[in-house]
PDB file of N, CA and C in Angstrom:
ATOM      1  N   MET A   1      12.080 -11.551 -13.429  1.00  0.00           N
ATOM      2  CA  MET A   1      12.467 -12.449 -14.295  1.00  0.00           C
ATOM      3  C   MET A   1      13.338 -13.430 -14.048  1.00  0.00           C
ATOM      4  N   LYS A   2      12.616 -15.086 -13.152  1.00  0.00           N
ATOM      5  CA  LYS A   2      13.785 -15.549 -12.427  1.00  0.00           C
ATOM      6  C   LYS A   2      13.223 -17.072 -13.678  1.00  0.00           C
ATOM      7  N   LEU A   3      14.108 -17.622 -14.297  1.00  0.00           N
ATOM      8  CA  LEU A   3      13.749 -18.750 -14.662  1.00  0.00           C
ATOM      9  C   LEU A   3      12.979 -20.176 -14.228  1.00  0.00           C
ATOM     10  N   PRO A   4      14.355 -19.933 -13.061  1.00  0.00           N
ATOM     11  CA  PRO A   4      14.615 -21.392 -12.236  1.00  0.00           C
ATOM     12  C   PRO A   4      12.903 -21.713 -12.116  1.00  0.00           C
ATOM     13  N   VAL A   5      12.884 -19.924 -11.624  1.00  0.00           N
ATOM     14  CA  VAL A   5      11.154 -19.825 -10.807  1.00  0.00           C
ATOM     15  C   VAL A   5      10.114 -20.400 -11.953  1.00  0.00           C
ATOM     16  N   ILE A   6      10.391 -19.924 -13.079  1.00  0.00           N
ATOM     17  CA  ILE A   6       9.315 -19.856 -14.296  1.00  0.00           C
ATOM     18  C   ILE A   6       9.251 -21.927 -14.228  1.00  0.00           C
ATOM     19  N   LYS A   7      10.401 -22.207 -14.283  1.00  0.00           N
ATOM     20  CA  LYS A   7      10.369 -23.831 -14.770  1.00  0.00           C
ATOM     21  C   LYS A   7      10.084 -25.006 -13.520  1.00  0.00           C
ATOM     22  N   HIS A   8      10.047 -24.317 -12.884  1.00  0.00           N
ATOM     23  CA  HIS A   8       9.261 -24.692 -11.428  1.00  0.00           C
ATOM     24  C   HIS A   8       7.846 -24.712 -11.423  1.00  0.00           C
ATOM     25  N   PHE A   9       7.706 -23.106 -11.802  1.00  0.00           N
ATOM     26  CA  PHE A   9       5.695 -23.032 -11.658  1.00  0.00           C
ATOM     27  C   PHE A   9       5.530 -24.095 -13.409  1.00  0.00           C
ATOM     28  N   GLN A  10       5.936 -24.203 -14.009  1.00  0.00           N
ATOM     29  CA  GLN A  10       6.097 -24.638 -15.259  1.00  0.00           C
ATOM     30  C   GLN A  10       5.182 -26.645 -15.053  1.00  0.00           C
ATOM     31  N   LYS A  11       6.544 -26.771 -14.214  1.00  0.00           N
ATOM     32  CA  LYS A  11       6.930 -28.695 -14.230  1.00  0.00           C
ATOM     33  C   LYS A  11       5.064 -28.791 -12.989  1.00  0.00           C
ATOM     34  N   ASN A  12       5.070 -27.438 -12.066  1.00  0.00           N
ATOM     35  CA  ASN A  12       4.364 -28.176 -10.847  1.00  0.00           C
ATOM     36  C   ASN A  12       2.794 -28.142 -11.143  1.00  0.00           C
ATOM     37  N   ASN A  13       2.120 -27.396 -12.207  1.00  0.00           N
ATOM     38  CA  ASN A  13       1.287 -27.094 -11.939  1.00  0.00           C
ATOM     39  C   ASN A  13       0.069 -26.799 -13.564  1.00  0.00           C
ATOM     40  N   ASP A  14      -0.961 -27.131 -13.636  1.00  0.00           N
ATOM     41  CA  ASP A  14      -1.465 -26.768 -15.199  1.00  0.00           C
ATOM     42  C   ASP A  14      -1.467 -25.146 -15.127  1.00  0.00           C
ATOM     43  N   ALA A  15      -1.518 -24.774 -16.131  1.00  0.00           N
ATOM     44  CA  ALA A  15      -1.852 -23.458 -16.888  1.00  0.00           C
ATOM     45  C   ALA A  15      -3.117 -22.991 -16.543  1.00  0.00           C
ATOM     46  N   GLN A  16      -3.798 -23.827 -16.255  1.00  0.00           N
ATOM     47  CA  GLN A  16      -5.480 -23.195 -16.080  1.00  0.00           C
ATOM     48  C   GLN A  16      -5.022 -22.899 -14.242  1.00  0.00           C
ATOM     49  N   LYS A  17      -4.852 -23.624 -14.130  1.00  0.00           N
ATOM     50  CA  LYS A  17      -4.850 -23.196 -11.957  1.00  0.00           C
ATOM     51  C   LYS A  17      -3.555 -22.031 -12.561  1.00  0.00           C
ATOM     52  N   LEU A  18      -2.631 -21.420 -13.320  1.00  0.00           N
ATOM     53  CA  LEU A  18      -0.889 -20.417 -12.996  1.00  0.00           C
ATOM     54  C   LEU A  18      -2.334 -19.272 -13.558  1.00  0.00           C
ATOM     55  N   GLU A  19      -3.594 -19.550 -14.599  1.00  0.00           N
ATOM     56  CA  GLU A  19      -3.884 -18.407 -14.781  1.00  0.00           C
ATOM     57  C   GLU A  19      -4.755 -17.965 -14.025  1.00  0.00           C
ATOM     58  N   HIS A  20      -5.612 -18.762 -13.156  1.00  0.00           N
ATOM     59  CA  HIS A  20      -6.692 -18.330 -11.470  1.00  0.00           C
ATOM     60  C   HIS A  20      -5.489 -17.570 -11.071  1.00  0.00           C
ATOM     61  N   THR A  21      -4.240 -17.824 -10.338  1.00  0.00           N
ATOM     62  CA  THR A  21      -3.747 -17.459  -9.571  1.00  0.00           C
ATOM     63  C   THR A  21      -3.525 -15.866 -10.224  1.00  0.00           C
ATOM     64  N   ILE A  22      -3.050 -15.833 -11.541  1.00  0.00           N
ATOM     65  CA  ILE A  22      -2.897 -14.546 -11.751  1.00  0.00           C
ATOM     66  C   ILE A  22      -4.035 -13.483 -12.211  1.00  0.00           C
ATOM     67  N   GLU A  23      -4.858 -14.381 -12.233  1.00  0.00           N
ATOM     68  CA  GLU A  23      -6.281 -13.449 -11.787  1.00  0.00           C
ATOM     69  C   GLU A  23      -6.097 -12.658  -9.868  1.00  0.00           C
ATOM     70  N   VAL A  24      -6.176 -13.556  -9.549  1.00  0.00           N
ATOM     71  CA  VAL A  24      -6.124 -13.278  -8.070  1.00  0.00           C
ATOM     72  C   VAL A  24      -4.776 -12.223  -7.359  1.00  0.00           C
ATOM     73  N   LEU A  25      -4.174 -12.741  -8.342  1.00  0.00           N
ATOM     74  CA  LEU A  25      -2.919 -11.325  -7.634  1.00  0.00           C
ATOM     75  C   LEU A  25      -3.217 -10.356  -8.116  1.00  0.00           C
ATOM     76  N   GLU A  26      -4.199 -10.434  -9.516  1.00  0.00           N
ATOM     77  CA  GLU A  26      -3.858  -8.997 -10.216  1.00  0.00           C
ATOM     78  C   GLU A  26      -5.704  -8.402  -9.831  1.00  0.00           C
ATOM     79  N   SER A  27      -6.631  -8.986  -8.874  1.00  0.00           N
ATOM     80  CA  SER A  27      -7.176  -8.612  -7.851  1.00  0.00           C
ATOM     81  C   SER A  27      -6.477  -7.493  -6.719  1.00  0.00           C
ATOM     82  N   PHE A  28      -5.657  -8.413  -5.986  1.00  0.00           N
ATOM     83  CA  PHE A  28      -5.234  -7.886  -4.462  1.00  0.00           C
ATOM     84  C   PHE A  28      -4.629  -6.949  -4.632  1.00  0.00           C
ATOM     85  N   CYS A  29      -3.868  -6.800  -6.664  1.00  0.00           N
ATOM     86  CA  CYS A  29      -3.522  -5.182  -6.485  1.00  0.00           C
ATOM     87  C   CYS A  29      -4.093  -3.842  -6.861  1.00  0.00           C
ATOM     88  N   GLU A  30      -5.461  -3.743  -6.768  1.00  0.00           N
ATOM     89  CA  GLU A  30      -6.437  -3.774  -7.299  1.00  0.00           C
ATOM     90  C   GLU A  30      -7.063  -2.697  -5.948  1.00  0.00           C
ATOM     91  N   HIS A  31      -6.508  -3.224  -4.751  1.00  0.00           N
ATOM     92  CA  HIS A  31      -6.902  -3.053  -3.417  1.00  0.00           C
ATOM     93  C   HIS A  31      -6.197  -2.074  -2.972  1.00  0.00           C
ATOM     94  N   ARG A  32      -6.926  -0.346  -2.356  1.00  0.00           N
ATOM     95  CA  ARG A  32      -6.169   0.120  -2.147  1.00  0.00           C
ATOM     96  C   ARG A  32      -5.204   0.322  -1.857  1.00  0.00           C
ATOM     97  N   SER A  33      -5.232  -0.578  -0.338  1.00  0.00           N
ATOM     98  CA  SER A  33      -4.251  -0.883   0.398  1.00  0.00           C
ATOM     99  C   SER A  33      -2.932  -1.074   0.106  1.00  0.00           C
ATOM    100  N   VAL A  34      -2.307  -1.691  -1.385  1.00  0.00           N
ATOM    101  CA  VAL A  34      -1.277  -2.382  -1.807  1.00  0.00           C
ATOM    102  C   VAL A  34      -0.843  -0.915  -1.701  1.00  0.00           C
ATOM    103  N   THR A  35       0.907  -1.452  -1.465  1.00  0.00           N
ATOM    104  CA  THR A  35       1.608  -0.596  -1.515  1.00  0.00           C
ATOM    105  C   THR A  35       2.540  -0.764  -2.661  1.00  0.00           C
ATOM    106  N   ASP A  36       3.185   0.153  -2.987  1.00  0.00           N
ATOM    107  CA  ASP A  36       4.550   0.314  -4.274  1.00  0.00           C
ATOM    108  C   ASP A  36       5.067  -0.982  -4.174  1.00  0.00           C
ATOM    109  N   GLU A  37       5.490  -1.691  -2.809  1.00  0.00           N
ATOM    110  CA  GLU A  37       6.847  -2.380  -3.127  1.00  0.00           C
ATOM    111  C   GLU A  37       6.210  -3.769  -3.195  1.00  0.00           C
ATOM    112  N   GLU A  38       4.793  -3.504  -2.160  1.00  0.00           N
ATOM    113  CA  GLU A  38       3.741  -5.095  -2.780  1.00  0.00           C
ATOM    114  C   GLU A  38       3.401  -4.877  -4.432  1.00  0.00           C
ATOM    115  N   MET A  39       3.223  -3.884  -5.189  1.00  0.00           N
ATOM    116  CA  MET A  39       3.087  -4.064  -6.103  1.00  0.00           C
ATOM    117  C   MET A  39       4.607  -4.453  -6.994  1.00  0.00           C
ATOM    118  N   ASP A  40       5.119  -4.570  -6.714  1.00  0.00           N
ATOM    119  CA  ASP A  40       6.063  -4.925  -7.474  1.00  0.00           C
ATOM    120  C   ASP A  40       6.515  -5.714  -7.305  1.00  0.00           C
ATOM    121  N   ILE A  41       6.506  -7.504  -6.029  1.00  0.00           N
ATOM    122  CA  ILE A  41       6.349  -8.137  -5.695  1.00  0.00           C
ATOM    123  C   ILE A  41       5.658  -8.656  -6.336  1.00  0.00           C
ATOM    124  N   ILE A  42       4.473  -8.623  -6.478  1.00  0.00           N
ATOM    125  CA  ILE A  42       3.719  -9.243  -7.193  1.00  0.00           C
ATOM    126  C   ILE A  42       3.431  -9.072  -8.535  1.00  0.00           C
ATOM    127  N   GLY A  43       4.051  -7.801  -8.808  1.00  0.00           N
ATOM    128  CA  GLY A  43       4.535  -7.456 -10.845  1.00  0.00           C
ATOM    129  C   GLY A  43       5.434  -8.642 -11.512  1.00  0.00           C
ATOM    130  N   GLU A  44       6.444  -8.719 -10.542  1.00  0.00           N
ATOM    131  CA  GLU A  44       7.270  -9.707 -10.371  1.00  0.00           C
ATOM    132  C   GLU A  44       6.660 -11.722 -10.682  1.00  0.00           C
ATOM    133  N   ILE A  45       6.324 -11.475  -9.725  1.00  0.00           N
ATOM    134  CA  ILE A  45       5.425 -13.075  -9.560  1.00  0.00           C
ATOM    135  C   ILE A  45       4.456 -13.309 -10.700  1.00  0.00           C
ATOM    136  N   ILE A  46       3.642 -12.353 -11.021  1.00  0.00           N
ATOM    137  CA  ILE A  46       2.943 -12.646 -12.570  1.00  0.00           C
ATOM    138  C   ILE A  46       3.647 -13.116 -13.380  1.00  0.00           C
ATOM    139  N   THR A  47       4.810 -11.526 -13.299  1.00  0.00           N
ATOM    140  CA  THR A  47       5.797 -12.146 -15.050  1.00  0.00           C
ATOM    141  C   THR A  47       6.114 -13.632 -15.085  1.00  0.00           C
ATOM    142  N   ASN A  48       6.661 -14.000 -13.585  1.00  0.00           N
ATOM    143  CA  ASN A  48       7.151 -15.389 -13.776  1.00  0.00           C
ATOM    144  C   ASN A  48       5.802 -16.256 -14.053  1.00  0.00           C
ATOM    145  N   ILE A  49       5.116 -16.032 -13.508  1.00  0.00           N
ATOM    146  CA  ILE A  49       3.638 -16.959 -13.391  1.00  0.00           C
ATOM    147  C   ILE A  49       3.281 -17.313 -16.167  1.00  0.00           C
ATOM    148  N   ALA A  50       3.302 -15.507 -15.915  1.00  0.00           N
ATOM    149  CA  ALA A  50       2.864 -15.675 -16.874  1.00  0.00           C
ATOM    150  C   ALA A  50       4.128 -16.050 -18.000  1.00  0.00           C
ATOM    151  N   GLY A  51       4.862 -16.540 -17.868  1.00  0.00           N
ATOM    152  CA  GLY A  51       6.593 -16.975 -18.101  1.00  0.00           C
ATOM    153  C   GLY A  51       6.080 -18.241 -18.386  1.00  0.00           C
ATOM    154  N   ALA A  52       5.736 -19.520 -16.871  1.00  0.00           N
ATOM    155  CA  ALA A  52       5.155 -20.382 -16.968  1.00  0.00           C
ATOM    156  C   ALA A  52       4.257 -20.689 -18.119  1.00  0.00           C
ATOM    157  N   ILE A  53       3.118 -19.712 -18.808  1.00  0.00           N
ATOM    158  CA  ILE A  53       2.231 -20.413 -19.325  1.00  0.00           C
ATOM    159  C   ILE A  53       2.975 -20.258 -20.146  1.00  0.00           C
ATOM    160  N   GLU A  54       3.739 -19.315 -20.832  1.00  0.00           N
ATOM    161  CA  GLU A  54       4.045 -19.318 -22.179  1.00  0.00           C
ATOM    162  C   GLU A  54       4.889 -20.603 -22.411  1.00  0.00           C
ATOM    163  N   MET A  55       5.909 -20.952 -21.656  1.00  0.00           N
ATOM    164  CA  MET A  55       6.953 -22.257 -21.241  1.00  0.00           C
ATOM    165  C   MET A  55       5.836 -23.356 -21.780  1.00  0.00           C
ATOM    166  N   ASP A  56       4.653 -23.296 -21.107  1.00  0.00           N
ATOM    167  CA  ASP A  56       3.365 -24.844 -20.621  1.00  0.00           C
ATOM    168  C   ASP A  56       3.289 -24.514 -22.539  1.00  0.00           C
ATOM    169  N   LYS A  57       3.451 -23.500 -23.206  1.00  0.00           N
ATOM    170  CA  LYS A  57       2.296 -23.661 -24.011  1.00  0.00           C
ATOM    171  C   LYS A  57       3.360 -24.360 -25.802  1.00  0.00           C
ATOM    172  N   MET A  58       4.160 -23.319 -25.703  1.00  0.00           N
ATOM    173  CA  MET A  58       5.626 -24.550 -26.370  1.00  0.00           C
ATOM    174  C   MET A  58       5.943 -25.529 -26.072  1.00  0.00           C
ATOM    175  N   VAL A  59       6.309 -25.751 -24.598  1.00  0.00           N
ATOM    176  CA  VAL A  59       5.986 -27.174 -24.468  1.00  0.00           C
ATOM    177  C   VAL A  59       5.026 -28.192 -25.271  1.00  0.00           C
ATOM    178  N   LYS A  60       3.971 -27.718 -25.074  1.00  0.00           N
ATOM    179  CA  LYS A  60       2.777 -28.582 -25.086  1.00  0.00           C
ATOM    180  C   LYS A  60       3.006 -29.024 -27.283  1.00  0.00           C
ATOM    181  N   ASP A  61       3.904 -28.241 -27.926  1.00  0.00           N
ATOM    182  CA  ASP A  61       3.896 -27.535 -29.728  1.00  0.00           C
ATOM    183  C   ASP A  61       4.567 -28.760 -29.295  1.00  0.00           C
ATOM    184  N   GLY A  62       5.365 -29.219 -28.626  1.00  0.00           N
ATOM    185  CA  GLY A  62       6.508 -29.886 -29.418  1.00  0.00           C
ATOM    186  C   GLY A  62       8.172 -29.632 -29.324  1.00  0.00           C
ATOM    187  N   MET A  63       8.211 -28.817 -28.111  1.00  0.00           N
ATOM    188  CA  MET A  63       9.377 -27.537 -27.727  1.00  0.00           C
ATOM    189  C   MET A  63      10.054 -28.422 -26.698  1.00  0.00           C
ATOM    190  N   SER A  64      11.495 -28.422 -26.548  1.00  0.00           N
ATOM    191  CA  SER A  64      11.810 -29.330 -25.342  1.00  0.00           C
ATOM    192  C   SER A  64      12.110 -27.905 -24.082  1.00  0.00           C
ATOM    193  N   GLU A  65      12.167 -28.788 -22.770  1.00  0.00           N
ATOM    194  CA  GLU A  65      12.042 -27.517 -21.650  1.00  0.00           C
ATOM    195  C   GLU A  65      12.768 -26.340 -22.278  1.00  0.00           C
ATOM    196  N   LYS A  66      14.554 -26.999 -22.107  1.00  0.00           N
ATOM    197  CA  LYS A  66      14.888 -26.475 -22.164  1.00  0.00           C
ATOM    198  C   LYS A  66      15.133 -24.843 -23.601  1.00  0.00           C
ATOM    199  N   ASP A  67      14.610 -25.545 -24.275  1.00  0.00           N
ATOM    200  CA  ASP A  67      14.015 -25.379 -25.429  1.00  0.00           C
ATOM    201  C   ASP A  67      13.325 -23.631 -25.362  1.00  0.00           C
ATOM    202  N   ALA A  68      12.707 -24.366 -24.572  1.00  0.00           N
ATOM    203  CA  ALA A  68      11.307 -23.069 -24.223  1.00  0.00           C
ATOM    204  C   ALA A  68      11.996 -22.034 -23.129  1.00  0.00           C
ATOM    205  N   GLY A  69      12.067 -21.969 -22.466  1.00  0.00           N
ATOM    206  CA  GLY A  69      13.095 -21.516 -21.494  1.00  0.00           C
ATOM    207  C   GLY A  69      14.034 -20.276 -22.194  1.00  0.00           C
ATOM    208  N   ASN A  70      14.679 -20.738 -22.972  1.00  0.00           N
ATOM    209  CA  ASN A  70      15.765 -19.806 -23.614  1.00  0.00           C
ATOM    210  C   ASN A  70      15.206 -19.064 -24.267  1.00  0.00           C
ATOM    211  N   THR A  71      14.362 -19.604 -25.323  1.00  0.00           N
ATOM    212  CA  THR A  71      13.002 -18.920 -26.623  1.00  0.00           C
ATOM    213  C   THR A  71      12.629 -17.849 -25.420  1.00  0.00           C
ATOM    214  N   PHE A  72      11.697 -18.594 -23.911  1.00  0.00           N
ATOM    215  CA  PHE A  72      10.962 -17.198 -23.425  1.00  0.00           C
ATOM    216  C   PHE A  72      11.897 -16.406 -22.657  1.00  0.00           C
ATOM    217  N   ALA A  73      13.090 -16.675 -22.288  1.00  0.00           N
ATOM    218  CA  ALA A  73      14.268 -15.971 -21.734  1.00  0.00           C
ATOM    219  C   ALA A  73      14.168 -14.778 -22.523  1.00  0.00           C
ATOM    220  N   LYS A  74      14.922 -15.339 -24.018  1.00  0.00           N
ATOM    221  CA  LYS A  74      15.269 -14.476 -25.048  1.00  0.00           C
ATOM    222  C   LYS A  74      14.434 -13.358 -25.827  1.00  0.00           C
ATOM    223  N   ARG A  75      12.990 -13.440 -25.840  1.00  0.00           N
ATOM    224  CA  ARG A  75      12.015 -13.013 -26.132  1.00  0.00           C
ATOM    225  C   ARG A  75      12.286 -11.900 -25.036  1.00  0.00           C
ATOM    226  N   VAL A  76      11.365 -11.950 -23.925  1.00  0.00           N
ATOM    227  CA  VAL A  76      11.769 -11.005 -22.834  1.00  0.00           C
ATOM    228  C   VAL A  76      12.631 -10.536 -22.495  1.00  0.00           C
ATOM    229  N   LEU A  77      13.916 -10.309 -23.043  1.00  0.00           N
ATOM    230  CA  LEU A  77      15.491  -9.771 -22.740  1.00  0.00           C
ATOM    231  C   LEU A  77      15.288  -8.510 -24.577  1.00  0.00           C
ATOM    232  N   GLY A  78      14.629  -8.653 -25.017  1.00  0.00           N
ATOM    233  CA  GLY A  78      14.387  -8.347 -26.534  1.00  0.00           C
ATOM    234  C   GLY A  78      13.232  -7.165 -25.981  1.00  0.00           C
ATOM    235  N   SER A  79      12.384  -7.742 -25.693  1.00  0.00           N
ATOM    236  CA  SER A  79      11.506  -6.865 -25.384  1.00  0.00           C
ATOM    237  C   SER A  79      11.886  -5.329 -24.755  1.00  0.00           C
ATOM    238  N   ILE A  80      13.067  -5.638 -23.149  1.00  0.00           N
ATOM    239  CA  ILE A  80      13.305  -4.434 -22.866  1.00  0.00           C
ATOM    240  C   ILE A  80      14.349  -4.290 -23.261  1.00  0.00           C
ATOM    241  N   ASP A  81      15.094  -4.623 -24.435  1.00  0.00           N
ATOM    242  CA  ASP A  81      15.931  -3.686 -25.382  1.00  0.00           C
ATOM    243  C   ASP A  81      15.581  -2.948 -26.235  1.00  0.00           C
ATOM    244  N   LYS A  82      14.245  -3.072 -25.952  1.00  0.00           N
ATOM    245  CA  LYS A  82      13.411  -2.059 -26.675  1.00  0.00           C
ATOM    246  C   LYS A  82      13.437  -0.810 -26.941  1.00  0.00           C
TER     247      LYS A  82
END
């Protein structure tokens, strides 16, 4: 997870475009020729895009971009600690 990348995605794309991108990347990963290394990279990208979608929802609900980024990062780090 890279918060600067997530913020970039969130600021420069609408949520629908990001959701479609995730669908395409997931489809790509289902192909039998995709290597484990490629899967790891795509997984990181999907995580960042999903974070951008979550941040976008928080911003639309009235949260500042900074607070939305911090909230998302804390949520992710909290789930890793479990």
